[in-house]
Structure formats: C-alpha cells, structure tokens
Amino acid sequence: MTCQCGRSYIVRQGDILFDIAQRELGDGNRWREIMNPDCSKPVNEIIVPGQELCIPTPPGDGGFARIVSRQTYEAMFPNRNSLYSYDSLVTATQRYPNFCNEGSDTQHKHEAAAFLANIAHETSGLQYIEELRCIPNGCGDEYCDRNNTQYPCQPGRSYHGRGPMQISWNYNYGAAGRALGLNLLANPDLVKSDGAIAFSTALWFWMTPQPPKPSCHDVMSGRWNPSPDDVNRGRVPGFGMTINIINGGLECGRPTDDRVERRVGFYRQFCQMLGVSADSNIYCDRMQPYR
C-alpha cells in the first residue's frame, strides 16, 4: 500500500508514535496526526516494525521556502560553505513544518530572519562547518559531560561545535540524534558531512524547548508567554530572547558586546531583505541569563 495523504514512513524497531512525531513533525504531541496509508483513520497506538504509516505533509505553502527564496538565501550567504546549500536547508525544514508557519506573516519573516541571523553569527556567514580550534583532531573530552548517563560519550569521539548552530556536548548530540533517528553520539561527524543533517540539528535546537528555557520558535512565533519570574528578569519576546536561549550565559545580562552586535546586525539586515522592520526587544543586555 502507498501513503495517500502525505509521505510514507516504515516503522523501525523500537519506534513509538510520540518519537516518530517528534522526529518527523517536530512535536511529539502531534502523534495523533499520523495516519494509516489509506488515510481512513488514525493509526492505533500499537505499531510494529515494518508497518507503513502516513506522515502529514507540511501545512501551507512550505513555510520557510515560501518566505526565503533561493535567490535571497544566496544573497544572504554569498561565501557559504557548499555543505550549507539552500536545498539542504529546505529539506531539513520539512521535518519541522511549524517552522516559519505559525503566527502572522510578519512573525514568519521575523522567525526566518532570527534563525538565519543566529546561524550566520555562529558560522561567520555559514563559512565554518565546525569549531575552528578543534580542527583537525577534535577537542578530546572537553565537551564530554560524564555525569550524563542518558547520552554517554563514545570512545574517541569529540562533541565540539559542528553545523549551523555549532551544536556541542554529548547530551545535545544524543538528544538531537534521538529526535532525528540518527546515532550522532557514535557519528558526530555526520553534522559536518551531510547538509540536511547539519541543518536538521540546528532546527532541532531552534524548535525544541529546554526547560526552563522556551524554544526560539515559540518566542518568535508568539507562542511563548513569559512567566512573572521571566518578566522580573527582563525576559520578553523578541530577537534578544533567542540570544538568551542560545548563549545567554556569555552574552546577556551585561553590556552589549561585539558578539551581540553581530547577531543584531545580521538580524536587521535579513529583516530588511525579507521586507519587514526589525521588531522590538532585539538586545538582551537587560535580560538575566538562565542558570
């Protein structure tokens, strides 16, 4: 049987519906949207290896690809590494259909600009595919948290920064790999050798809350409502909050330095290229970082 209302997915050993939805739709709570191939009814909660499921296709006109054309992307990143192709990014966004697809059209564009601005900063305009000081021999166990038993470090592997968001530490490689159905603990170099995987790890970080931090997506799409404690600590929606989520411990709650100015500069530039003005709260100097 062939999937008639989306794309086909074959159940693998150990799969559960929540994990499939997290991997393929970017939100495990959307597991009820996964259907049988004939689309006549939702799948049962009990699934078996080899069973075919139907994953719903992204809503709307493609979210990110509708907002950022190939021409615009190439103008934003004229010196990008070949790993970071437009097609690889669009492929990765298909795993996360809510990316640039929730809220108003202006919010869609702000989210696209915010994501691209942060990865532009992390990689100097998408030029670098891994942490420069860890080339060519890795960084040993510098990024190994041996207290994390859920995602233990693998012998001979370095978990230094790789990809557009410079994902690092064994617990992030492990969690991202689980969400994407990949063993990134054993094969962290996949993040610097496969463009779609590289962008998928960046989008996993962008779309996934890490409590008490909200996700960058929820901040930029208007889904996040700051708690009274957040408000007291200066944490409010806007581009500055994405900086706080990504690297607040080093860049926020202090006088603005060159790192933040670079992020903000990219954000303003990309907003202009997408035809929107930069929103308010684009800095994070008055936001306390998370501990």
C-alpha atoms as a PDB file:
ATOM      1  CA  MET A   1       0.000   0.000   0.000  1.00  0.00           C
ATOM      2  CA  THR A   2       1.205   3.537  -0.735  1.00  0.00           C
ATOM      3  CA  CYS A   3       0.573   6.510   1.518  1.00  0.00           C
ATOM      4  CA  GLN A   4      -2.228   8.625   0.033  1.00  0.00           C
ATOM      5  CA  CYS A   5      -2.225  11.682   2.305  1.00  0.00           C
ATOM      6  CA  GLY A   6       1.383  12.572   2.972  1.00  0.00           C
ATOM      7  CA  ARG A   7       4.684  10.789   2.897  1.00  0.00           C
ATOM      8  CA  SER A   8       5.320   7.163   3.710  1.00  0.00           C
ATOM      9  CA  TYR A   9       7.145   6.086   6.873  1.00  0.00           C
ATOM     10  CA  ILE A  10       8.113   2.499   7.706  1.00  0.00           C
ATOM     11  CA  VAL A  11       8.135   1.679  11.412  1.00  0.00           C
ATOM     12  CA  ARG A  12      11.530   0.676  12.779  1.00  0.00           C
ATOM     13  CA  GLN A  13      12.438  -1.471  15.771  1.00  0.00           C
ATOM     14  CA  GLY A  14      11.843   0.464  18.990  1.00  0.00           C
ATOM     15  CA  ASP A  15       9.656   3.161  17.395  1.00  0.00           C
ATOM     16  CA  ILE A  16       6.759   4.655  19.338  1.00  0.00           C
ATOM     17  CA  LEU A  17       4.317   7.172  17.871  1.00  0.00           C
ATOM     18  CA  PHE A  18       5.466  10.030  20.094  1.00  0.00           C
ATOM     19  CA  ASP A  19       9.079   9.646  18.969  1.00  0.00           C
ATOM     20  CA  ILE A  20       8.073   9.373  15.297  1.00  0.00           C
ATOM     21  CA  ALA A  21       6.037  12.588  15.586  1.00  0.00           C
ATOM     22  CA  GLN A  22       8.912  14.334  17.364  1.00  0.00           C
ATOM     23  CA  ARG A  23      11.340  13.263  14.655  1.00  0.00           C
ATOM     24  CA  GLU A  24       9.180  13.783  11.588  1.00  0.00           C
ATOM     25  CA  LEU A  25       6.835  16.601  12.658  1.00  0.00           C
ATOM     26  CA  GLY A  26       8.941  18.415  15.237  1.00  0.00           C
ATOM     27  CA  ASP A  27       6.404  17.852  18.036  1.00  0.00           C
ATOM     28  CA  GLY A  28       5.782  14.501  19.719  1.00  0.00           C
ATOM     29  CA  ASN A  29       2.336  15.619  20.819  1.00  0.00           C
ATOM     30  CA  ARG A  30       1.225  15.574  17.167  1.00  0.00           C
ATOM     31  CA  TRP A  31       1.322  11.754  17.066  1.00  0.00           C
ATOM     32  CA  ARG A  32      -2.450  11.620  16.585  1.00  0.00           C
ATOM     33  CA  GLU A  33      -1.992  13.235  13.153  1.00  0.00           C
ATOM     34  CA  ILE A  34      -0.121  10.182  11.892  1.00  0.00           C
ATOM     35  CA  MET A  35      -2.443   8.037   9.787  1.00  0.00           C
ATOM     36  CA  ASN A  36      -2.743   4.654   8.164  1.00  0.00           C
ATOM     37  CA  PRO A  37      -1.724   4.579   4.484  1.00  0.00           C
ATOM     38  CA  ASP A  38      -5.349   4.708   3.267  1.00  0.00           C
ATOM     39  CA  CYS A  39      -5.909   7.834   5.418  1.00  0.00           C
ATOM     40  CA  SER A  40      -9.259   6.486   6.591  1.00  0.00           C
ATOM     41  CA  LYS A  41      -8.482   6.604  10.300  1.00  0.00           C
ATOM     42  CA  PRO A  42      -5.703   7.393  12.742  1.00  0.00           C
ATOM     43  CA  VAL A  43      -3.254   4.597  13.416  1.00  0.00           C
ATOM     44  CA  ASN A  44      -3.619   2.538  16.547  1.00  0.00           C
ATOM     45  CA  GLU A  45      -1.304   3.308  19.439  1.00  0.00           C
ATOM     46  CA  ILE A  46       0.303  -0.121  18.990  1.00  0.00           C
ATOM     47  CA  ILE A  47       2.631  -0.231  15.995  1.00  0.00           C
ATOM     48  CA  VAL A  48       5.019  -2.925  14.782  1.00  0.00           C
ATOM     49  CA  PRO A  49       8.287  -2.872  12.796  1.00  0.00           C
ATOM     50  CA  GLY A  50       7.704  -2.922   9.049  1.00  0.00           C
ATOM     51  CA  GLN A  51       4.285  -1.265   9.322  1.00  0.00           C
ATOM     52  CA  GLU A  52       3.669   1.630   6.937  1.00  0.00           C
ATOM     53  CA  LEU A  53       2.411   4.919   8.347  1.00  0.00           C
ATOM     54  CA  CYS A  54       1.460   8.169   6.665  1.00  0.00           C
ATOM     55  CA  ILE A  55       3.143  11.366   7.889  1.00  0.00           C
ATOM     56  CA  PRO A  56       1.183  14.570   7.106  1.00  0.00           C
ATOM     57  CA  THR A  57       2.895  16.951   4.742  1.00  0.00           C
ATOM     58  CA  PRO A  58       3.831  20.481   5.876  1.00  0.00           C
ATOM     59  CA  PRO A  59       0.919  22.923   6.038  1.00  0.00           C
ATOM     60  CA  GLY A  60       0.579  25.998   3.889  1.00  0.00           C
ATOM     61  CA  ASP A  61       2.922  26.790   1.058  1.00  0.00           C
ATOM     62  CA  GLY A  62       6.074  25.415   2.576  1.00  0.00           C
ATOM     63  CA  GLY A  63       6.788  27.923   5.350  1.00  0.00           C
ATOM     64  CA  PHE A  64      10.455  28.812   5.077  1.00  0.00           C
ATOM     65  CA  ALA A  65      10.747  28.148   1.330  1.00  0.00           C
ATOM     66  CA  ARG A  66       7.801  30.486   0.713  1.00  0.00           C
ATOM     67  CA  ILE A  67       9.457  33.264   2.703  1.00  0.00           C
ATOM     68  CA  VAL A  68      13.115  32.880   1.723  1.00  0.00           C
ATOM     69  CA  SER A  69      13.750  32.206  -1.956  1.00  0.00           C
ATOM     70  CA  ARG A  70      16.872  30.560  -3.266  1.00  0.00           C
ATOM     71  CA  GLN A  71      17.997  33.907  -4.691  1.00  0.00           C
ATOM     72  CA  THR A  72      17.529  35.675  -1.357  1.00  0.00           C
ATOM     73  CA  TYR A  73      19.310  32.924   0.550  1.00  0.00           C
ATOM     74  CA  GLU A  74      22.279  33.040  -1.805  1.00  0.00           C
ATOM     75  CA  ALA A  75      22.425  36.834  -1.450  1.00  0.00           C
ATOM     76  CA  MET A  76      22.413  36.482   2.335  1.00  0.00           C
ATOM     77  CA  PHE A  77      25.269  33.970   2.307  1.00  0.00           C
ATOM     78  CA  PRO A  78      27.486  34.638  -0.726  1.00  0.00           C
ATOM     79  CA  ASN A  79      30.540  32.970   0.863  1.00  0.00           C
ATOM     80  CA  ARG A  80      28.798  29.942   2.350  1.00  0.00           C
ATOM     81  CA  ASN A  81      30.418  26.527   2.538  1.00  0.00           C
ATOM     82  CA  SER A  82      28.997  24.085  -0.020  1.00  0.00           C
ATOM     83  CA  LEU A  83      27.630  21.979   2.866  1.00  0.00           C
ATOM     84  CA  TYR A  84      25.072  24.685   3.544  1.00  0.00           C
ATOM     85  CA  SER A  85      23.067  24.545   0.334  1.00  0.00           C
ATOM     86  CA  TYR A  86      19.587  26.022   0.014  1.00  0.00           C
ATOM     87  CA  ASP A  87      18.192  22.601  -0.900  1.00  0.00           C
ATOM     88  CA  SER A  88      19.683  21.060   2.254  1.00  0.00           C
ATOM     89  CA  LEU A  89      18.034  23.713   4.401  1.00  0.00           C
ATOM     90  CA  VAL A  90      14.642  23.331   2.725  1.00  0.00           C
ATOM     91  CA  THR A  91      14.881  19.546   3.123  1.00  0.00           C
ATOM     92  CA  ALA A  92      15.607  19.969   6.827  1.00  0.00           C
ATOM     93  CA  THR A  93      12.643  22.325   7.312  1.00  0.00           C
ATOM     94  CA  GLN A  94      10.297  19.572   6.117  1.00  0.00           C
ATOM     95  CA  ARG A  95      10.940  17.781   9.399  1.00  0.00           C
ATOM     96  CA  TYR A  96       9.659  20.854  11.233  1.00  0.00           C
ATOM     97  CA  PRO A  97       6.557  22.080   9.376  1.00  0.00           C
ATOM     98  CA  ASN A  98       5.698  24.640  12.072  1.00  0.00           C
ATOM     99  CA  PHE A  99       8.963  26.489  11.458  1.00  0.00           C
ATOM    100  CA  CYS A 100       8.082  29.902   9.974  1.00  0.00           C
ATOM    101  CA  ASN A 101       4.489  28.686   9.743  1.00  0.00           C
ATOM    102  CA  GLU A 102       2.839  29.810  12.991  1.00  0.00           C
ATOM    103  CA  GLY A 103       1.587  33.265  13.835  1.00  0.00           C
ATOM    104  CA  SER A 104       1.256  36.137  11.360  1.00  0.00           C
ATOM    105  CA  ASP A 105       3.124  36.551   8.095  1.00  0.00           C
ATOM    106  CA  THR A 106       5.292  39.184   9.772  1.00  0.00           C
ATOM    107  CA  GLN A 107       6.119  36.723  12.543  1.00  0.00           C
ATOM    108  CA  HIS A 108       7.024  34.115   9.912  1.00  0.00           C
ATOM    109  CA  LYS A 109       9.527  36.544   8.407  1.00  0.00           C
ATOM    110  CA  HIS A 110      10.884  37.587  11.791  1.00  0.00           C
ATOM    111  CA  GLU A 111      11.449  33.948  12.687  1.00  0.00           C
ATOM    112  CA  ALA A 112      13.249  33.237   9.402  1.00  0.00           C
ATOM    113  CA  ALA A 113      15.444  36.297   9.889  1.00  0.00           C
ATOM    114  CA  ALA A 114      16.161  35.400  13.520  1.00  0.00           C
ATOM    115  CA  PHE A 115      17.153  31.819  12.729  1.00  0.00           C
ATOM    116  CA  LEU A 116      19.353  32.852   9.816  1.00  0.00           C
ATOM    117  CA  ALA A 117      20.931  35.691  11.822  1.00  0.00           C
ATOM    118  CA  ASN A 118      21.941  33.387  14.652  1.00  0.00           C
ATOM    119  CA  ILE A 119      23.441  30.728  12.403  1.00  0.00           C
ATOM    120  CA  ALA A 120      25.194  33.463  10.402  1.00  0.00           C
ATOM    121  CA  HIS A 121      26.863  34.635  13.602  1.00  0.00           C
ATOM    122  CA  GLU A 122      27.748  31.126  14.758  1.00  0.00           C
ATOM    123  CA  THR A 123      29.460  30.265  11.451  1.00  0.00           C
ATOM    124  CA  SER A 124      30.688  33.638  10.144  1.00  0.00           C
ATOM    125  CA  GLY A 125      28.132  33.702   7.374  1.00  0.00           C
ATOM    126  CA  LEU A 126      27.846  29.897   7.001  1.00  0.00           C
ATOM    127  CA  GLN A 127      31.531  29.588   6.176  1.00  0.00           C
ATOM    128  CA  TYR A 128      32.537  27.244   9.012  1.00  0.00           C
ATOM    129  CA  ILE A 129      31.231  23.708   9.433  1.00  0.00           C
ATOM    130  CA  GLU A 130      32.927  23.024  12.768  1.00  0.00           C
ATOM    131  CA  GLU A 131      34.650  24.761  15.652  1.00  0.00           C
ATOM    132  CA  LEU A 132      37.915  26.050  14.203  1.00  0.00           C
ATOM    133  CA  ARG A 133      40.105  25.424  17.219  1.00  0.00           C
ATOM    134  CA  CYS A 134      39.096  21.768  17.216  1.00  0.00           C
ATOM    135  CA  ILE A 135      40.414  21.154  13.695  1.00  0.00           C
ATOM    136  CA  PRO A 136      41.896  18.745  12.726  1.00  0.00           C
ATOM    137  CA  ASN A 137      41.970  16.449  15.757  1.00  0.00           C
ATOM    138  CA  GLY A 138      38.823  17.342  17.651  1.00  0.00           C
ATOM    139  CA  CYS A 139      38.797  18.666  21.196  1.00  0.00           C
ATOM    140  CA  GLY A 140      39.096  15.388  23.073  1.00  0.00           C
ATOM    141  CA  ASP A 141      36.732  15.129  26.010  1.00  0.00           C
ATOM    142  CA  GLU A 142      36.412  18.884  26.527  1.00  0.00           C
ATOM    143  CA  TYR A 143      32.721  18.708  25.561  1.00  0.00           C
ATOM    144  CA  CYS A 144      32.011  15.441  27.359  1.00  0.00           C
ATOM    145  CA  ASP A 145      29.700  15.587  30.360  1.00  0.00           C
ATOM    146  CA  ARG A 146      30.467  12.266  32.028  1.00  0.00           C
ATOM    147  CA  ASN A 147      27.702  12.840  34.569  1.00  0.00           C
ATOM    148  CA  ASN A 148      25.142  12.484  31.781  1.00  0.00           C
ATOM    149  CA  THR A 149      24.379   8.777  31.692  1.00  0.00           C
ATOM    150  CA  GLN A 150      21.441   9.076  29.284  1.00  0.00           C
ATOM    151  CA  TYR A 151      23.742  10.081  26.436  1.00  0.00           C
ATOM    152  CA  PRO A 152      27.192   8.762  27.384  1.00  0.00           C
ATOM    153  CA  CYS A 153      30.257   9.858  25.450  1.00  0.00           C
ATOM    154  CA  GLN A 154      31.606   7.329  22.982  1.00  0.00           C
ATOM    155  CA  PRO A 155      35.328   6.470  22.975  1.00  0.00           C
ATOM    156  CA  GLY A 156      37.369   8.515  20.548  1.00  0.00           C
ATOM    157  CA  ARG A 157      34.537  10.923  19.718  1.00  0.00           C
ATOM    158  CA  SER A 158      34.680  14.693  20.144  1.00  0.00           C
ATOM    159  CA  TYR A 159      31.458  16.608  20.715  1.00  0.00           C
ATOM    160  CA  HIS A 160      32.736  20.053  19.782  1.00  0.00           C
ATOM    161  CA  GLY A 161      30.692  22.545  17.792  1.00  0.00           C
ATOM    162  CA  ARG A 162      29.500  21.439  14.358  1.00  0.00           C
ATOM    163  CA  GLY A 163      26.890  22.613  11.894  1.00  0.00           C
ATOM    164  CA  PRO A 164      24.976  25.899  11.529  1.00  0.00           C
ATOM    165  CA  MET A 165      24.133  26.194  15.234  1.00  0.00           C
ATOM    166  CA  GLN A 166      27.502  24.738  16.307  1.00  0.00           C
ATOM    167  CA  ILE A 167      25.791  22.017  18.336  1.00  0.00           C
ATOM    168  CA  SER A 168      28.103  20.804  21.106  1.00  0.00           C
ATOM    169  CA  TRP A 169      28.248  18.489  24.161  1.00  0.00           C
ATOM    170  CA  ASN A 170      27.320  14.824  24.222  1.00  0.00           C
ATOM    171  CA  TYR A 171      23.844  15.434  25.679  1.00  0.00           C
ATOM    172  CA  ASN A 172      22.908  17.683  22.758  1.00  0.00           C
ATOM    173  CA  TYR A 173      24.274  15.263  20.161  1.00  0.00           C
ATOM    174  CA  GLY A 174      22.403  12.443  21.889  1.00  0.00           C
ATOM    175  CA  ALA A 175      19.090  14.269  22.176  1.00  0.00           C
ATOM    176  CA  ALA A 176      19.262  15.645  18.635  1.00  0.00           C
ATOM    177  CA  GLY A 177      20.183  12.225  17.282  1.00  0.00           C
ATOM    178  CA  ARG A 178      17.257  10.610  19.036  1.00  0.00           C
ATOM    179  CA  ALA A 179      14.857  13.215  17.634  1.00  0.00           C
ATOM    180  CA  LEU A 180      16.240  12.765  14.116  1.00  0.00           C
ATOM    181  CA  GLY A 181      16.570   8.967  14.219  1.00  0.00           C
ATOM    182  CA  LEU A 182      20.368   9.099  13.965  1.00  0.00           C
ATOM    183  CA  ASN A 183      23.170   7.859  16.208  1.00  0.00           C
ATOM    184  CA  LEU A 184      25.018  11.148  16.476  1.00  0.00           C
ATOM    185  CA  LEU A 185      26.801  10.031  19.629  1.00  0.00           C
ATOM    186  CA  ALA A 186      28.642   7.417  17.583  1.00  0.00           C
ATOM    187  CA  ASN A 187      28.803   9.510  14.403  1.00  0.00           C
ATOM    188  CA  PRO A 188      29.023  13.219  15.328  1.00  0.00           C
ATOM    189  CA  ASP A 189      30.811  13.993  12.062  1.00  0.00           C
ATOM    190  CA  LEU A 190      27.521  13.458  10.220  1.00  0.00           C
ATOM    191  CA  VAL A 191      26.738  17.017  11.282  1.00  0.00           C
ATOM    192  CA  LYS A 192      29.616  18.342   9.191  1.00  0.00           C
ATOM    193  CA  SER A 193      29.321  15.958   6.236  1.00  0.00           C
ATOM    194  CA  ASP A 194      25.580  15.962   5.385  1.00  0.00           C
ATOM    195  CA  GLY A 195      23.932  19.324   4.813  1.00  0.00           C
ATOM    196  CA  ALA A 196      20.375  18.205   5.564  1.00  0.00           C
ATOM    197  CA  ILE A 197      21.519  16.613   8.841  1.00  0.00           C
ATOM    198  CA  ALA A 198      23.521  19.726   9.724  1.00  0.00           C
ATOM    199  CA  PHE A 199      20.507  21.997   9.262  1.00  0.00           C
ATOM    200  CA  SER A 200      18.237  19.460  10.997  1.00  0.00           C
ATOM    201  CA  THR A 201      20.338  19.672  14.174  1.00  0.00           C
ATOM    202  CA  ALA A 202      20.109  23.467  14.072  1.00  0.00           C
ATOM    203  CA  LEU A 203      16.340  23.305  13.639  1.00  0.00           C
ATOM    204  CA  TRP A 204      16.046  20.703  16.397  1.00  0.00           C
ATOM    205  CA  PHE A 205      17.721  23.158  18.763  1.00  0.00           C
ATOM    206  CA  TRP A 206      15.580  26.038  17.478  1.00  0.00           C
ATOM    207  CA  MET A 207      12.270  24.191  17.753  1.00  0.00           C
ATOM    208  CA  THR A 208      12.791  22.232  20.990  1.00  0.00           C
ATOM    209  CA  PRO A 209      12.156  23.795  24.439  1.00  0.00           C
ATOM    210  CA  GLN A 210      14.803  23.001  27.030  1.00  0.00           C
ATOM    211  CA  PRO A 211      13.012  23.907  30.273  1.00  0.00           C
ATOM    212  CA  PRO A 212      13.104  26.342  31.879  1.00  0.00           C
ATOM    213  CA  LYS A 213      14.049  27.865  28.517  1.00  0.00           C
ATOM    214  CA  PRO A 214      11.320  28.116  25.882  1.00  0.00           C
ATOM    215  CA  SER A 215      12.155  27.261  22.294  1.00  0.00           C
ATOM    216  CA  CYS A 216      13.367  30.011  19.974  1.00  0.00           C
ATOM    217  CA  HIS A 217      10.450  29.078  17.711  1.00  0.00           C
ATOM    218  CA  ASP A 218       7.885  29.714  20.434  1.00  0.00           C
ATOM    219  CA  VAL A 219       9.499  33.076  21.198  1.00  0.00           C
ATOM    220  CA  MET A 220       9.489  34.292  17.590  1.00  0.00           C
ATOM    221  CA  SER A 221       6.088  32.852  16.634  1.00  0.00           C
ATOM    222  CA  GLY A 222       4.246  34.436  19.562  1.00  0.00           C
ATOM    223  CA  ARG A 223       3.507  31.149  21.320  1.00  0.00           C
ATOM    224  CA  TRP A 224       5.600  31.946  24.409  1.00  0.00           C
ATOM    225  CA  ASN A 225       4.064  33.860  27.303  1.00  0.00           C
ATOM    226  CA  PRO A 226       6.724  34.915  29.822  1.00  0.00           C
ATOM    227  CA  SER A 227       6.074  33.918  33.407  1.00  0.00           C
ATOM    228  CA  PRO A 228       6.055  36.624  36.092  1.00  0.00           C
ATOM    229  CA  ASP A 229       9.567  35.496  37.038  1.00  0.00           C
ATOM    230  CA  ASP A 230      10.694  35.849  33.412  1.00  0.00           C
ATOM    231  CA  VAL A 231       9.270  39.358  33.249  1.00  0.00           C
ATOM    232  CA  ASN A 232      11.009  40.282  36.524  1.00  0.00           C
ATOM    233  CA  ARG A 233      14.262  39.092  34.993  1.00  0.00           C
ATOM    234  CA  GLY A 234      13.757  41.102  31.825  1.00  0.00           C
ATOM    235  CA  ARG A 235      12.981  38.120  29.580  1.00  0.00           C
ATOM    236  CA  VAL A 236      10.476  39.270  26.999  1.00  0.00           C
ATOM    237  CA  PRO A 237       9.611  38.142  23.460  1.00  0.00           C
ATOM    238  CA  GLY A 238      11.840  39.374  20.663  1.00  0.00           C
ATOM    239  CA  PHE A 239      15.109  38.595  18.925  1.00  0.00           C
ATOM    240  CA  GLY A 240      17.088  39.302  22.100  1.00  0.00           C
ATOM    241  CA  MET A 241      15.407  36.360  23.793  1.00  0.00           C
ATOM    242  CA  THR A 242      16.751  33.974  21.135  1.00  0.00           C
ATOM    243  CA  ILE A 243      20.262  35.160  22.004  1.00  0.00           C
ATOM    244  CA  ASN A 244      19.494  34.455  25.655  1.00  0.00           C
ATOM    245  CA  ILE A 245      18.355  30.932  24.813  1.00  0.00           C
ATOM    246  CA  ILE A 246      21.350  30.175  22.600  1.00  0.00           C
ATOM    247  CA  ASN A 247      24.213  31.769  24.549  1.00  0.00           C
ATOM    248  CA  GLY A 248      22.767  33.903  27.306  1.00  0.00           C
ATOM    249  CA  GLY A 249      25.313  32.886  29.907  1.00  0.00           C
ATOM    250  CA  LEU A 250      28.053  34.611  27.932  1.00  0.00           C
ATOM    251  CA  GLU A 251      26.214  37.328  26.010  1.00  0.00           C
ATOM    252  CA  CYS A 252      23.207  38.519  28.037  1.00  0.00           C
ATOM    253  CA  GLY A 253      22.659  40.359  31.304  1.00  0.00           C
ATOM    254  CA  ARG A 254      25.730  42.509  30.655  1.00  0.00           C
ATOM    255  CA  PRO A 255      26.735  45.457  28.472  1.00  0.00           C
ATOM    256  CA  THR A 256      26.262  44.617  24.795  1.00  0.00           C
ATOM    257  CA  ASP A 257      29.477  43.375  23.194  1.00  0.00           C
ATOM    258  CA  ASP A 258      30.603  42.658  19.638  1.00  0.00           C
ATOM    259  CA  ARG A 259      29.024  39.175  19.616  1.00  0.00           C
ATOM    260  CA  VAL A 260      25.550  40.506  20.259  1.00  0.00           C
ATOM    261  CA  GLU A 261      26.055  43.392  17.850  1.00  0.00           C
ATOM    262  CA  ARG A 262      26.957  40.889  15.114  1.00  0.00           C
ATOM    263  CA  ARG A 263      23.808  38.865  15.755  1.00  0.00           C
ATOM    264  CA  VAL A 264      21.673  42.007  15.781  1.00  0.00           C
ATOM    265  CA  GLY A 265      23.381  43.315  12.644  1.00  0.00           C
ATOM    266  CA  PHE A 266      22.582  40.131  10.754  1.00  0.00           C
ATOM    267  CA  TYR A 267      19.006  40.210  12.058  1.00  0.00           C
ATOM    268  CA  ARG A 268      18.416  43.764  10.895  1.00  0.00           C
ATOM    269  CA  GLN A 269      19.983  43.031   7.510  1.00  0.00           C
ATOM    270  CA  PHE A 270      17.911  39.900   6.951  1.00  0.00           C
ATOM    271  CA  CYS A 271      14.684  41.571   8.098  1.00  0.00           C
ATOM    272  CA  GLN A 272      15.298  44.287   5.523  1.00  0.00           C
ATOM    273  CA  MET A 273      15.915  41.688   2.820  1.00  0.00           C
ATOM    274  CA  LEU A 274      12.616  39.977   3.739  1.00  0.00           C
ATOM    275  CA  GLY A 275      10.657  43.220   3.673  1.00  0.00           C
ATOM    276  CA  VAL A 276       9.921  43.683   7.373  1.00  0.00           C
ATOM    277  CA  SER A 277      11.247  46.041  10.026  1.00  0.00           C
ATOM    278  CA  ALA A 278      13.126  44.560  12.958  1.00  0.00           C
ATOM    279  CA  ASP A 279      10.810  44.152  15.944  1.00  0.00           C
ATOM    280  CA  SER A 280      11.421  45.495  19.460  1.00  0.00           C
ATOM    281  CA  ASN A 281      13.495  43.829  22.191  1.00  0.00           C
ATOM    282  CA  ILE A 282      16.337  42.878  19.887  1.00  0.00           C
ATOM    283  CA  TYR A 283      19.043  43.146  22.586  1.00  0.00           C
ATOM    284  CA  CYS A 284      19.499  41.063  25.743  1.00  0.00           C
ATOM    285  CA  ASP A 285      21.678  43.245  27.977  1.00  0.00           C
ATOM    286  CA  ARG A 286      18.766  43.708  30.387  1.00  0.00           C
ATOM    287  CA  MET A 287      17.795  40.034  30.370  1.00  0.00           C
ATOM    288  CA  GLN A 288      19.140  37.766  33.070  1.00  0.00           C
ATOM    289  CA  PRO A 289      20.504  34.559  31.572  1.00  0.00           C
ATOM    290  CA  TYR A 290      19.285  31.140  32.621  1.00  0.00           C
ATOM    291  CA  ARG A 291      21.442  29.197  35.053  1.00  0.00           C
END
